[in-house]
Amino acid sequence: MDHSSMDDSASTCVVSMLWNWNTINSCFISSSWQIKSTSMFAGSCIGVIFLVMSLELLRRLAKEYDRHILNQYQRHVASLNTYITTQGSKNSPPADSCPPPAALPTPPFRPNLFQQMVRATLHMFQFAVAYFIMLLAMYFNGYIIISIFIGAWIGAFIFSWETVSFSGVIGIKEEATACCG
């Protein structure tokens, strides 16, 4: 015997794996994220925009961290070259025929354990946020997908605004979600 009332059936989750524009009673990710009002749906769309913006922020943070540790390494190598150059000039007799000591070639950079742990943690957060966004997109709700696009545009506008240098080589940009843009 079914003891459910009309109110229970009206509050069931509406989940469609086909393109839809559902708002009220839509559920995303779990039944606890059920949309019960228009303002709740608007809040969800705004939250999705901020979620996608956070992905762009994480991408920028990872790029800036890589730049930071590389600059740190380059400063360290430069200070070693300066030290070697000054030591070499103190120990060698003055001669006009000797060329100045050449700087050592910069060895390839490999992050230490802590730096790599930070890099891997940033990548993990990027991956988790991107996966969550993908799960939201798989509900094929037009409003949520438009919110994802808006968040990507605003996030890229804010967090990828930087100086662009031209090296003459055009390559594929590496990102956590290279398949999706």
N, C-alpha and C. Protein backbone atom coordinates (compact mmCIF):
# COMPACT_ATOMS: atom_id res chain seq x y z
N MET A 1 0.84 -1.16 0.00
CA MET A 1 0.00 0.00 0.00
C MET A 1 0.89 1.23 0.00
N ASP A 2 0.59 2.18 -0.85
CA ASP A 2 1.39 3.39 -0.99
C ASP A 2 0.85 4.47 -0.07
N HIS A 3 1.71 4.92 0.88
CA HIS A 3 1.30 5.95 1.83
C HIS A 3 1.80 7.32 1.44
N SER A 4 2.28 7.48 0.24
CA SER A 4 2.79 8.78 -0.17
C SER A 4 1.62 9.71 -0.49
N SER A 5 1.82 10.95 -0.15
CA SER A 5 0.77 11.94 -0.43
C SER A 5 1.09 12.65 -1.74
N MET A 6 0.21 13.53 -2.13
CA MET A 6 0.41 14.28 -3.35
C MET A 6 1.62 15.20 -3.22
N ASP A 7 1.89 15.69 -2.00
CA ASP A 7 3.03 16.57 -1.78
C ASP A 7 4.35 15.83 -2.02
N ASP A 8 4.41 14.56 -1.65
CA ASP A 8 5.64 13.78 -1.86
C ASP A 8 5.91 13.60 -3.34
N SER A 9 4.88 13.33 -4.14
CA SER A 9 5.10 13.10 -5.56
C SER A 9 5.47 14.40 -6.28
N ALA A 10 5.01 15.54 -5.75
CA ALA A 10 5.34 16.82 -6.37
C ALA A 10 6.77 17.23 -6.07
N SER A 11 7.37 16.65 -5.05
CA SER A 11 8.73 17.05 -4.68
C SER A 11 9.78 16.04 -5.14
N THR A 12 9.42 15.14 -6.03
CA THR A 12 10.42 14.19 -6.51
C THR A 12 11.37 14.88 -7.48
N CYS A 13 12.55 14.37 -7.53
CA CYS A 13 13.58 14.95 -8.39
C CYS A 13 13.25 14.75 -9.86
N VAL A 14 13.46 15.80 -10.62
CA VAL A 14 13.33 15.72 -12.07
C VAL A 14 14.74 15.69 -12.64
N VAL A 15 15.13 14.56 -13.19
CA VAL A 15 16.45 14.40 -13.78
C VAL A 15 16.26 13.95 -15.22
N SER A 16 16.79 14.71 -16.14
CA SER A 16 16.67 14.36 -17.55
C SER A 16 18.06 14.32 -18.16
N MET A 17 18.36 13.24 -18.84
CA MET A 17 19.65 13.13 -19.50
C MET A 17 19.55 13.58 -20.96
N LEU A 18 18.47 14.25 -21.29
CA LEU A 18 18.29 14.88 -22.59
C LEU A 18 18.28 16.38 -22.38
N TRP A 19 18.53 17.14 -23.45
CA TRP A 19 18.54 18.59 -23.34
C TRP A 19 17.23 19.05 -22.70
N ASN A 20 17.34 19.92 -21.66
CA ASN A 20 16.14 20.38 -20.99
C ASN A 20 16.34 21.77 -20.43
N TRP A 21 15.23 22.39 -20.08
CA TRP A 21 15.23 23.72 -19.45
C TRP A 21 14.50 23.65 -18.11
N ASN A 22 14.55 22.49 -17.45
CA ASN A 22 13.85 22.31 -16.17
C ASN A 22 14.46 23.22 -15.10
N THR A 23 13.59 23.72 -14.24
CA THR A 23 14.08 24.55 -13.13
C THR A 23 13.59 23.97 -11.80
N ILE A 24 12.32 24.11 -11.49
CA ILE A 24 11.78 23.65 -10.22
C ILE A 24 11.78 22.12 -10.19
N ASN A 25 12.20 21.58 -9.06
CA ASN A 25 12.32 20.14 -8.79
C ASN A 25 13.46 19.46 -9.56
N SER A 26 14.29 20.24 -10.22
CA SER A 26 15.49 19.65 -10.83
C SER A 26 16.46 19.26 -9.73
N CYS A 27 17.16 18.18 -9.94
CA CYS A 27 18.18 17.73 -8.99
C CYS A 27 19.51 17.65 -9.71
N PHE A 28 20.55 18.05 -9.01
CA PHE A 28 21.90 17.99 -9.57
C PHE A 28 22.81 17.26 -8.59
N ILE A 29 23.61 16.36 -9.09
CA ILE A 29 24.60 15.57 -8.36
C ILE A 29 23.94 14.62 -7.37
N SER A 30 23.05 15.10 -6.48
CA SER A 30 22.39 14.21 -5.53
C SER A 30 20.98 14.74 -5.24
N SER A 31 20.18 13.93 -4.58
CA SER A 31 18.81 14.36 -4.29
C SER A 31 18.77 15.48 -3.26
N SER A 32 19.86 15.66 -2.52
CA SER A 32 19.88 16.77 -1.56
C SER A 32 20.05 18.13 -2.24
N TRP A 33 20.49 18.13 -3.52
CA TRP A 33 20.58 19.37 -4.28
C TRP A 33 19.35 19.44 -5.20
N GLN A 34 18.21 19.52 -4.58
CA GLN A 34 16.96 19.62 -5.33
C GLN A 34 16.50 21.07 -5.33
N ILE A 35 16.16 21.58 -6.49
CA ILE A 35 15.73 22.96 -6.65
C ILE A 35 14.26 23.05 -6.28
N LYS A 36 13.96 23.85 -5.25
CA LYS A 36 12.58 23.96 -4.79
C LYS A 36 11.95 25.32 -5.10
N SER A 37 12.77 26.27 -5.55
CA SER A 37 12.22 27.59 -5.88
C SER A 37 13.05 28.23 -6.99
N THR A 38 12.50 29.27 -7.57
CA THR A 38 13.21 29.98 -8.63
C THR A 38 14.48 30.63 -8.09
N SER A 39 14.39 31.20 -6.89
CA SER A 39 15.59 31.84 -6.31
C SER A 39 16.67 30.80 -5.99
N MET A 40 16.27 29.61 -5.60
CA MET A 40 17.25 28.54 -5.36
C MET A 40 17.94 28.14 -6.66
N PHE A 41 17.18 28.12 -7.75
CA PHE A 41 17.76 27.79 -9.05
C PHE A 41 18.71 28.90 -9.50
N ALA A 42 18.31 30.16 -9.31
CA ALA A 42 19.18 31.28 -9.66
C ALA A 42 20.47 31.22 -8.83
N GLY A 43 20.34 30.90 -7.56
CA GLY A 43 21.53 30.75 -6.70
C GLY A 43 22.43 29.62 -7.18
N SER A 44 21.83 28.53 -7.65
CA SER A 44 22.62 27.42 -8.19
C SER A 44 23.37 27.84 -9.43
N CYS A 45 22.71 28.60 -10.30
CA CYS A 45 23.37 29.07 -11.53
C CYS A 45 24.53 30.01 -11.19
N ILE A 46 24.32 30.89 -10.24
CA ILE A 46 25.39 31.79 -9.80
C ILE A 46 26.52 30.99 -9.17
N GLY A 47 26.18 29.97 -8.38
CA GLY A 47 27.20 29.11 -7.79
C GLY A 47 28.02 28.38 -8.84
N VAL A 48 27.36 27.92 -9.91
CA VAL A 48 28.06 27.23 -11.00
C VAL A 48 29.02 28.22 -11.68
N ILE A 49 28.57 29.46 -11.88
CA ILE A 49 29.46 30.47 -12.47
C ILE A 49 30.71 30.63 -11.62
N PHE A 50 30.54 30.75 -10.31
CA PHE A 50 31.69 30.90 -9.42
C PHE A 50 32.56 29.64 -9.38
N LEU A 51 31.94 28.47 -9.50
CA LEU A 51 32.71 27.22 -9.53
C LEU A 51 33.63 27.18 -10.75
N VAL A 52 33.10 27.56 -11.91
CA VAL A 52 33.92 27.56 -13.12
C VAL A 52 35.00 28.64 -13.03
N MET A 53 34.66 29.78 -12.45
CA MET A 53 35.67 30.83 -12.25
C MET A 53 36.78 30.32 -11.33
N SER A 54 36.42 29.52 -10.33
CA SER A 54 37.45 28.98 -9.43
C SER A 54 38.40 28.03 -10.17
N LEU A 55 37.88 27.33 -11.18
CA LEU A 55 38.76 26.48 -12.00
C LEU A 55 39.78 27.33 -12.72
N GLU A 56 39.34 28.45 -13.29
CA GLU A 56 40.28 29.34 -13.97
C GLU A 56 41.28 29.94 -12.99
N LEU A 57 40.84 30.23 -11.78
CA LEU A 57 41.75 30.72 -10.74
C LEU A 57 42.79 29.66 -10.40
N LEU A 58 42.38 28.42 -10.25
CA LEU A 58 43.32 27.35 -9.95
C LEU A 58 44.33 27.17 -11.07
N ARG A 59 43.89 27.28 -12.31
CA ARG A 59 44.82 27.18 -13.44
C ARG A 59 45.87 28.29 -13.37
N ARG A 60 45.42 29.50 -13.06
CA ARG A 60 46.35 30.63 -12.96
C ARG A 60 47.31 30.44 -11.79
N LEU A 61 46.79 29.97 -10.64
CA LEU A 61 47.66 29.74 -9.49
C LEU A 61 48.74 28.72 -9.80
N ALA A 62 48.39 27.66 -10.50
CA ALA A 62 49.37 26.64 -10.87
C ALA A 62 50.44 27.23 -11.79
N LYS A 63 50.01 28.04 -12.74
CA LYS A 63 50.96 28.67 -13.67
C LYS A 63 51.87 29.64 -12.92
N GLU A 64 51.30 30.43 -12.01
CA GLU A 64 52.10 31.39 -11.25
C GLU A 64 53.07 30.69 -10.30
N TYR A 65 52.64 29.57 -9.73
CA TYR A 65 53.54 28.82 -8.84
C TYR A 65 54.71 28.25 -9.63
N ASP A 66 54.43 27.71 -10.82
CA ASP A 66 55.52 27.21 -11.67
C ASP A 66 56.50 28.33 -12.02
N ARG A 67 55.97 29.51 -12.35
CA ARG A 67 56.84 30.65 -12.63
C ARG A 67 57.67 31.02 -11.42
N HIS A 68 57.04 30.99 -10.26
CA HIS A 68 57.74 31.36 -9.02
C HIS A 68 58.91 30.42 -8.74
N ILE A 69 58.66 29.12 -8.80
CA ILE A 69 59.76 28.19 -8.47
C ILE A 69 60.84 28.21 -9.56
N LEU A 70 60.47 28.48 -10.80
CA LEU A 70 61.46 28.59 -11.86
C LEU A 70 62.31 29.85 -11.69
N ASN A 71 61.68 30.96 -11.35
CA ASN A 71 62.43 32.19 -11.08
C ASN A 71 63.35 32.03 -9.88
N GLN A 72 62.87 31.34 -8.87
CA GLN A 72 63.67 31.07 -7.68
C GLN A 72 64.92 30.26 -8.06
N TYR A 73 64.73 29.27 -8.91
CA TYR A 73 65.84 28.44 -9.36
C TYR A 73 66.83 29.25 -10.21
N GLN A 74 66.30 30.09 -11.10
CA GLN A 74 67.18 30.90 -11.94
C GLN A 74 68.00 31.88 -11.10
N ARG A 75 67.40 32.45 -10.06
CA ARG A 75 68.16 33.33 -9.17
C ARG A 75 69.26 32.56 -8.44
N HIS A 76 68.94 31.33 -8.04
CA HIS A 76 69.93 30.49 -7.35
C HIS A 76 71.11 30.18 -8.29
N VAL A 77 70.82 29.82 -9.53
CA VAL A 77 71.88 29.52 -10.50
C VAL A 77 72.70 30.78 -10.79
N ALA A 78 72.04 31.92 -10.91
CA ALA A 78 72.76 33.17 -11.16
C ALA A 78 73.69 33.52 -10.00
N SER A 79 73.23 33.29 -8.77
CA SER A 79 74.10 33.58 -7.62
C SER A 79 75.29 32.62 -7.57
N LEU A 80 75.07 31.37 -7.97
CA LEU A 80 76.19 30.43 -8.04
C LEU A 80 77.19 30.85 -9.10
N ASN A 81 76.71 31.29 -10.26
CA ASN A 81 77.59 31.76 -11.33
C ASN A 81 78.38 32.97 -10.88
N THR A 82 77.74 33.87 -10.15
CA THR A 82 78.43 35.06 -9.64
C THR A 82 79.51 34.65 -8.64
N TYR A 83 79.19 33.71 -7.78
CA TYR A 83 80.15 33.23 -6.79
C TYR A 83 81.35 32.58 -7.48
N ILE A 84 81.08 31.73 -8.48
CA ILE A 84 82.16 31.04 -9.20
C ILE A 84 83.02 32.06 -9.95
N THR A 85 82.39 33.04 -10.55
CA THR A 85 83.12 34.08 -11.30
C THR A 85 84.02 34.88 -10.37
N THR A 86 83.50 35.28 -9.22
CA THR A 86 84.31 36.07 -8.28
C THR A 86 85.42 35.23 -7.68
N GLN A 87 85.17 33.96 -7.40
CA GLN A 87 86.21 33.09 -6.86
C GLN A 87 87.30 32.85 -7.90
N GLY A 88 86.88 32.70 -9.15
CA GLY A 88 87.85 32.46 -10.23
C GLY A 88 88.73 33.67 -10.45
N SER A 89 88.20 34.87 -10.31
CA SER A 89 89.01 36.07 -10.55
C SER A 89 89.95 36.34 -9.38
N LYS A 90 89.61 35.88 -8.17
CA LYS A 90 90.50 36.06 -7.01
C LYS A 90 91.70 35.13 -7.08
N ASN A 91 91.48 33.91 -7.57
CA ASN A 91 92.52 32.90 -7.56
C ASN A 91 93.44 32.94 -8.78
N SER A 92 93.03 33.59 -9.84
CA SER A 92 93.85 33.60 -11.05
C SER A 92 94.71 34.86 -11.08
N PRO A 93 95.93 34.73 -11.61
CA PRO A 93 96.79 35.91 -11.70
C PRO A 93 96.26 36.85 -12.77
N PRO A 94 96.42 38.16 -12.58
CA PRO A 94 95.93 39.10 -13.59
C PRO A 94 96.73 38.95 -14.87
N ALA A 95 96.01 38.78 -15.93
CA ALA A 95 96.64 38.65 -17.25
C ALA A 95 95.69 39.22 -18.28
N ASP A 96 96.26 39.96 -19.18
CA ASP A 96 95.43 40.56 -20.21
C ASP A 96 95.03 39.55 -21.27
N SER A 97 95.76 38.45 -21.35
CA SER A 97 95.50 37.47 -22.40
C SER A 97 94.40 36.47 -22.03
N CYS A 98 94.05 36.38 -20.77
CA CYS A 98 93.04 35.39 -20.34
C CYS A 98 91.63 35.98 -20.51
N PRO A 99 90.76 35.23 -21.16
CA PRO A 99 89.38 35.71 -21.27
C PRO A 99 88.67 35.58 -19.91
N PRO A 100 87.63 36.34 -19.67
CA PRO A 100 86.90 36.21 -18.41
C PRO A 100 86.24 34.83 -18.33
N PRO A 101 86.14 34.29 -17.12
CA PRO A 101 85.52 32.96 -17.01
C PRO A 101 84.07 32.99 -17.49
N ALA A 102 83.70 31.97 -18.23
CA ALA A 102 82.34 31.89 -18.78
C ALA A 102 81.39 31.37 -17.72
N ALA A 103 80.16 31.81 -17.80
CA ALA A 103 79.13 31.32 -16.88
C ALA A 103 78.82 29.86 -17.20
N LEU A 104 78.55 29.13 -16.16
CA LEU A 104 78.20 27.72 -16.35
C LEU A 104 76.83 27.61 -17.03
N PRO A 105 76.65 26.59 -17.86
CA PRO A 105 75.32 26.43 -18.46
C PRO A 105 74.30 26.08 -17.37
N THR A 106 73.09 26.57 -17.54
CA THR A 106 72.05 26.32 -16.55
C THR A 106 71.57 24.88 -16.67
N PRO A 107 71.71 24.11 -15.59
CA PRO A 107 71.22 22.73 -15.65
C PRO A 107 69.69 22.72 -15.68
N PRO A 108 69.10 21.64 -16.20
CA PRO A 108 67.64 21.57 -16.24
C PRO A 108 67.05 21.61 -14.83
N PHE A 109 65.87 22.20 -14.73
CA PHE A 109 65.22 22.36 -13.43
C PHE A 109 64.30 21.18 -13.15
N ARG A 110 64.39 20.69 -11.94
CA ARG A 110 63.48 19.65 -11.46
C ARG A 110 63.03 20.07 -10.07
N PRO A 111 61.71 20.21 -9.85
CA PRO A 111 61.23 20.65 -8.53
C PRO A 111 61.63 19.66 -7.45
N ASN A 112 61.82 20.19 -6.23
CA ASN A 112 62.11 19.30 -5.11
C ASN A 112 60.80 18.64 -4.65
N LEU A 113 60.88 17.80 -3.65
CA LEU A 113 59.72 17.03 -3.21
C LEU A 113 58.57 17.93 -2.77
N PHE A 114 58.85 18.94 -1.96
CA PHE A 114 57.79 19.83 -1.48
C PHE A 114 57.15 20.60 -2.64
N GLN A 115 57.98 21.13 -3.53
CA GLN A 115 57.46 21.88 -4.67
C GLN A 115 56.57 21.00 -5.55
N GLN A 116 57.00 19.77 -5.75
CA GLN A 116 56.20 18.86 -6.57
C GLN A 116 54.90 18.48 -5.87
N MET A 117 54.93 18.39 -4.54
CA MET A 117 53.70 18.11 -3.79
C MET A 117 52.71 19.27 -3.95
N VAL A 118 53.20 20.50 -3.91
CA VAL A 118 52.32 21.66 -4.10
C VAL A 118 51.75 21.64 -5.52
N ARG A 119 52.60 21.37 -6.51
CA ARG A 119 52.15 21.31 -7.90
C ARG A 119 51.09 20.21 -8.09
N ALA A 120 51.33 19.04 -7.48
CA ALA A 120 50.38 17.94 -7.60
C ALA A 120 49.06 18.26 -6.89
N THR A 121 49.13 18.96 -5.77
CA THR A 121 47.92 19.34 -5.05
C THR A 121 47.09 20.32 -5.88
N LEU A 122 47.75 21.31 -6.48
CA LEU A 122 47.03 22.25 -7.34
C LEU A 122 46.40 21.52 -8.53
N HIS A 123 47.11 20.56 -9.10
CA HIS A 123 46.57 19.78 -10.22
C HIS A 123 45.36 18.97 -9.76
N MET A 124 45.44 18.38 -8.57
CA MET A 124 44.34 17.57 -8.05
C MET A 124 43.09 18.43 -7.88
N PHE A 125 43.26 19.64 -7.33
CA PHE A 125 42.11 20.53 -7.17
C PHE A 125 41.52 20.93 -8.52
N GLN A 126 42.38 21.21 -9.49
CA GLN A 126 41.90 21.53 -10.84
C GLN A 126 41.11 20.36 -11.41
N PHE A 127 41.64 19.18 -11.25
CA PHE A 127 41.00 17.98 -11.79
C PHE A 127 39.65 17.76 -11.13
N ALA A 128 39.59 17.90 -9.80
CA ALA A 128 38.34 17.68 -9.06
C ALA A 128 37.28 18.69 -9.47
N VAL A 129 37.64 19.96 -9.55
CA VAL A 129 36.68 20.99 -9.93
C VAL A 129 36.22 20.77 -11.37
N ALA A 130 37.14 20.46 -12.28
CA ALA A 130 36.78 20.22 -13.68
C ALA A 130 35.85 19.01 -13.80
N TYR A 131 36.10 17.97 -13.01
CA TYR A 131 35.26 16.78 -13.04
C TYR A 131 33.85 17.10 -12.54
N PHE A 132 33.77 17.90 -11.47
CA PHE A 132 32.49 18.29 -10.93
C PHE A 132 31.70 19.12 -11.96
N ILE A 133 32.38 20.02 -12.66
CA ILE A 133 31.74 20.82 -13.70
C ILE A 133 31.24 19.91 -14.82
N MET A 134 32.04 18.91 -15.17
CA MET A 134 31.62 17.97 -16.21
C MET A 134 30.36 17.21 -15.77
N LEU A 135 30.31 16.81 -14.51
CA LEU A 135 29.12 16.11 -14.01
C LEU A 135 27.89 17.01 -14.09
N LEU A 136 28.05 18.29 -13.78
CA LEU A 136 26.93 19.23 -13.89
C LEU A 136 26.49 19.38 -15.34
N ALA A 137 27.44 19.45 -16.26
CA ALA A 137 27.10 19.60 -17.67
C ALA A 137 26.35 18.38 -18.19
N MET A 138 26.61 17.22 -17.60
CA MET A 138 25.97 15.99 -18.08
C MET A 138 24.48 15.93 -17.74
N TYR A 139 23.97 16.89 -16.97
CA TYR A 139 22.53 16.96 -16.74
C TYR A 139 21.82 17.62 -17.92
N PHE A 140 22.58 18.18 -18.86
CA PHE A 140 22.07 18.78 -20.08
C PHE A 140 21.00 19.85 -19.82
N ASN A 141 21.13 20.52 -18.68
CA ASN A 141 20.22 21.61 -18.38
C ASN A 141 20.77 22.87 -19.05
N GLY A 142 19.99 23.48 -19.92
CA GLY A 142 20.44 24.64 -20.68
C GLY A 142 20.92 25.78 -19.81
N TYR A 143 20.23 26.04 -18.70
CA TYR A 143 20.62 27.13 -17.82
C TYR A 143 21.96 26.86 -17.15
N ILE A 144 22.17 25.62 -16.73
CA ILE A 144 23.43 25.26 -16.08
C ILE A 144 24.57 25.33 -17.09
N ILE A 145 24.35 24.86 -18.30
CA ILE A 145 25.40 24.91 -19.33
C ILE A 145 25.72 26.35 -19.69
N ILE A 146 24.71 27.20 -19.80
CA ILE A 146 24.98 28.62 -20.06
C ILE A 146 25.76 29.22 -18.89
N SER A 147 25.43 28.82 -17.68
CA SER A 147 26.18 29.31 -16.51
C SER A 147 27.63 28.86 -16.55
N ILE A 148 27.87 27.64 -17.04
CA ILE A 148 29.25 27.14 -17.19
C ILE A 148 30.00 28.01 -18.19
N PHE A 149 29.36 28.32 -19.32
CA PHE A 149 30.01 29.17 -20.33
C PHE A 149 30.29 30.56 -19.80
N ILE A 150 29.34 31.13 -19.08
CA ILE A 150 29.53 32.47 -18.51
C ILE A 150 30.68 32.45 -17.51
N GLY A 151 30.72 31.44 -16.66
CA GLY A 151 31.81 31.32 -15.68
C GLY A 151 33.16 31.15 -16.34
N ALA A 152 33.19 30.38 -17.45
CA ALA A 152 34.46 30.20 -18.17
C ALA A 152 34.91 31.52 -18.78
N TRP A 153 33.98 32.28 -19.33
CA TRP A 153 34.34 33.56 -19.95
C TRP A 153 34.82 34.56 -18.89
N ILE A 154 34.06 34.71 -17.82
CA ILE A 154 34.46 35.66 -16.77
C ILE A 154 35.78 35.22 -16.14
N GLY A 155 35.92 33.93 -15.86
CA GLY A 155 37.15 33.42 -15.26
C GLY A 155 38.36 33.64 -16.14
N ALA A 156 38.21 33.36 -17.43
CA ALA A 156 39.33 33.58 -18.36
C ALA A 156 39.63 35.06 -18.49
N PHE A 157 38.60 35.89 -18.51
CA PHE A 157 38.80 37.33 -18.62
C PHE A 157 39.60 37.85 -17.43
N ILE A 158 39.25 37.39 -16.24
CA ILE A 158 39.92 37.88 -15.03
C ILE A 158 41.27 37.23 -14.82
N PHE A 159 41.34 35.91 -14.90
CA PHE A 159 42.53 35.19 -14.45
C PHE A 159 43.54 34.86 -15.54
N SER A 160 43.20 35.07 -16.80
CA SER A 160 44.22 34.82 -17.82
C SER A 160 44.67 36.12 -18.48
N TRP A 161 44.36 37.24 -17.85
CA TRP A 161 44.78 38.54 -18.37
C TRP A 161 46.21 38.78 -17.93
N GLU A 162 47.13 38.53 -18.82
CA GLU A 162 48.55 38.67 -18.51
C GLU A 162 49.30 39.05 -19.78
N THR A 163 50.55 39.36 -19.63
CA THR A 163 51.39 39.68 -20.77
C THR A 163 51.62 38.42 -21.59
N VAL A 164 51.43 38.53 -22.88
CA VAL A 164 51.64 37.40 -23.77
C VAL A 164 52.90 37.66 -24.56
N SER A 165 53.85 36.73 -24.47
CA SER A 165 55.09 36.89 -25.22
C SER A 165 55.06 35.96 -26.42
N PHE A 166 55.70 36.41 -27.48
CA PHE A 166 55.75 35.61 -28.70
C PHE A 166 57.15 35.05 -28.84
N SER A 167 57.26 33.73 -28.82
CA SER A 167 58.56 33.09 -28.93
C SER A 167 58.82 32.58 -30.34
N GLY A 168 57.84 32.69 -31.22
CA GLY A 168 58.01 32.21 -32.58
C GLY A 168 57.59 30.77 -32.74
N VAL A 169 57.32 30.07 -31.64
CA VAL A 169 56.92 28.67 -31.70
C VAL A 169 55.47 28.59 -31.24
N ILE A 170 54.64 27.99 -32.04
CA ILE A 170 53.24 27.83 -31.69
C ILE A 170 53.05 26.38 -31.29
N GLY A 171 52.56 26.17 -30.07
CA GLY A 171 52.39 24.81 -29.58
C GLY A 171 51.03 24.63 -28.94
N ILE A 172 50.74 23.44 -28.49
CA ILE A 172 49.49 23.12 -27.84
C ILE A 172 49.60 23.51 -26.37
N LYS A 173 48.61 24.23 -25.89
CA LYS A 173 48.60 24.65 -24.51
C LYS A 173 48.21 23.46 -23.63
N GLU A 174 48.98 23.25 -22.55
CA GLU A 174 48.72 22.14 -21.66
C GLU A 174 47.83 22.58 -20.53
N GLU A 175 46.71 21.91 -20.32
CA GLU A 175 45.79 22.25 -19.24
C GLU A 175 45.21 20.98 -18.67
N ALA A 176 44.61 21.13 -17.48
CA ALA A 176 44.00 19.98 -16.82
C ALA A 176 42.84 19.41 -17.63
N THR A 177 42.13 20.28 -18.35
CA THR A 177 40.99 19.82 -19.14
C THR A 177 41.25 20.13 -20.61
N ALA A 178 42.35 19.64 -21.13
CA ALA A 178 42.74 19.94 -22.51
C ALA A 178 41.68 19.46 -23.50
N CYS A 179 40.96 18.43 -23.15
CA CYS A 179 39.93 17.93 -24.05
C CYS A 179 38.75 18.89 -24.18
N CYS A 180 38.55 19.68 -23.15
CA CYS A 180 37.35 20.53 -23.10
C CYS A 180 37.66 22.00 -23.25
N GLY A 181 38.85 22.38 -23.57
CA GLY A 181 39.16 23.81 -23.77
C GLY A 181 39.97 24.37 -22.76
